[in-house]
Amino acid sequence: MTGPPDPIPAAALVRFTSAESRLYPMAMTDPDGYKRAITLVGMVANELRQQCADIESVLERRDELIAALPGLAAANGLELAGLPPDAVVDAASALRCRELQARA
């Protein structure tokens, strides 16, 4: 990759921070829910790694992945069980965007 990566838009950063604030504190209050959340975030992040080589493409996949998450979870023997799909996708997107920025 040449040059600096595209910046993450401010609105996306706000969504990412909100998602992480909703999911990651579960480690203290709901360990099983936290484990499920981390597993789902990892699955979505892997999907983004396979399909998205830049920040713009990560952000463009948001709505599609939110809609697909229940099926993706079920295909892997999981269920959302109350986890908000937008928070899972936004946390995974934050992870992928950080990876892309680190490669620059």
Protein backbone atom coordinates (compact mmCIF):
# COMPACT_ATOMS: atom_id res chain seq x y z
CA MET A 1 0.00 0.00 0.00
CA THR A 2 1.37 3.42 -0.88
CA GLY A 3 0.57 6.62 0.94
CA PRO A 4 -1.57 7.03 4.01
CA PRO A 5 -4.83 5.10 4.23
CA ASP A 6 -8.11 6.90 3.75
CA PRO A 7 -9.27 8.46 7.00
CA ILE A 8 -12.21 6.89 8.79
CA PRO A 9 -15.16 9.29 8.61
CA ALA A 10 -16.15 10.84 11.93
CA ALA A 11 -19.65 9.32 11.82
CA ALA A 12 -18.15 5.85 11.43
CA LEU A 13 -15.75 6.45 14.31
CA VAL A 14 -18.68 7.42 16.53
CA ARG A 15 -20.52 4.20 15.54
CA PHE A 16 -17.39 2.13 16.18
CA THR A 17 -16.86 3.61 19.64
CA SER A 18 -20.52 3.15 20.51
CA ALA A 19 -20.50 -0.48 19.36
CA GLU A 20 -17.40 -1.33 21.36
CA SER A 21 -18.85 0.43 24.39
CA ARG A 22 -21.98 -1.71 24.11
CA LEU A 23 -20.29 -5.07 23.56
CA TYR A 24 -16.96 -5.25 25.36
CA PRO A 25 -18.10 -4.36 28.91
CA MET A 26 -20.18 -7.55 28.78
CA ALA A 27 -17.00 -9.35 29.82
CA MET A 28 -17.67 -8.18 33.37
CA THR A 29 -21.43 -8.77 33.50
CA ASP A 30 -22.27 -11.51 30.98
CA PRO A 31 -19.28 -13.71 30.14
CA ASP A 32 -21.32 -16.04 27.92
CA GLY A 33 -22.79 -13.11 25.99
CA TYR A 34 -19.33 -11.59 25.71
CA LYS A 35 -17.92 -14.83 24.31
CA ARG A 36 -20.75 -15.01 21.77
CA ALA A 37 -20.21 -11.34 20.83
CA ILE A 38 -16.47 -11.81 20.35
CA THR A 39 -17.04 -14.91 18.24
CA LEU A 40 -19.52 -13.07 16.03
CA VAL A 41 -17.27 -10.02 15.75
CA GLY A 42 -14.44 -12.34 14.69
CA MET A 43 -16.62 -14.00 12.05
CA VAL A 44 -17.62 -10.66 10.56
CA ALA A 45 -14.04 -9.38 10.74
CA ASN A 46 -12.87 -12.46 8.81
CA GLU A 47 -15.53 -11.77 6.18
CA LEU A 48 -14.27 -8.19 5.92
CA ARG A 49 -10.67 -9.37 5.63
CA GLN A 50 -11.60 -11.59 2.71
CA GLN A 51 -13.72 -9.01 0.90
CA CYS A 52 -12.45 -5.54 1.81
CA ALA A 53 -9.02 -4.20 0.96
CA ASP A 54 -9.72 -0.59 1.94
CA ILE A 55 -11.68 1.43 4.46
CA GLU A 56 -14.28 2.58 1.94
CA SER A 57 -15.22 -0.98 1.06
CA VAL A 58 -15.51 -1.88 4.76
CA LEU A 59 -17.93 0.98 5.32
CA GLU A 60 -19.95 0.12 2.21
CA ARG A 61 -20.64 -3.41 3.47
CA ARG A 62 -22.29 -2.30 6.74
CA ASP A 63 -25.97 -2.60 5.82
CA GLU A 64 -25.42 -5.84 3.91
CA LEU A 65 -23.60 -7.43 6.85
CA ILE A 66 -26.17 -6.28 9.40
CA ALA A 67 -28.88 -7.97 7.34
CA ALA A 68 -26.78 -11.11 6.78
CA LEU A 69 -25.54 -11.53 10.35
CA PRO A 70 -28.37 -13.76 11.65
CA GLY A 71 -27.84 -16.17 8.75
CA LEU A 72 -24.05 -16.07 9.09
CA ALA A 73 -24.39 -16.82 12.80
CA ALA A 74 -26.84 -19.68 12.18
CA ALA A 75 -24.58 -21.17 9.50
CA ASN A 76 -21.87 -21.38 12.17
CA GLY A 77 -24.15 -22.87 14.82
CA LEU A 78 -24.62 -19.61 16.70
CA GLU A 79 -27.46 -17.23 17.39
CA LEU A 80 -27.52 -13.55 18.21
CA ALA A 81 -29.56 -14.11 21.39
CA GLY A 82 -30.22 -10.42 21.88
CA LEU A 83 -26.91 -9.07 20.60
CA PRO A 84 -27.51 -6.05 18.38
CA PRO A 85 -26.39 -6.86 14.82
CA ASP A 86 -25.33 -3.27 14.16
CA ALA A 87 -23.00 -3.30 17.17
CA VAL A 88 -21.43 -6.60 16.10
CA VAL A 89 -20.86 -5.36 12.55
CA ASP A 90 -19.57 -1.97 13.70
CA ALA A 91 -17.13 -3.56 16.17
CA ALA A 92 -15.85 -5.88 13.43
CA SER A 93 -15.59 -2.94 11.03
CA ALA A 94 -13.59 -0.99 13.60
CA LEU A 95 -11.18 -3.89 13.91
CA ARG A 96 -10.76 -4.20 10.14
CA CYS A 97 -10.30 -0.46 9.67
CA ARG A 98 -7.58 -0.43 12.35
CA GLU A 99 -5.84 -3.31 10.59
CA LEU A 100 -5.92 -1.41 7.30
CA GLN A 101 -4.56 1.73 8.92
CA ALA A 102 -1.76 -0.22 10.59
CA ARG A 103 -0.62 -1.58 7.22
CA ALA A 104 0.07 1.92 5.89
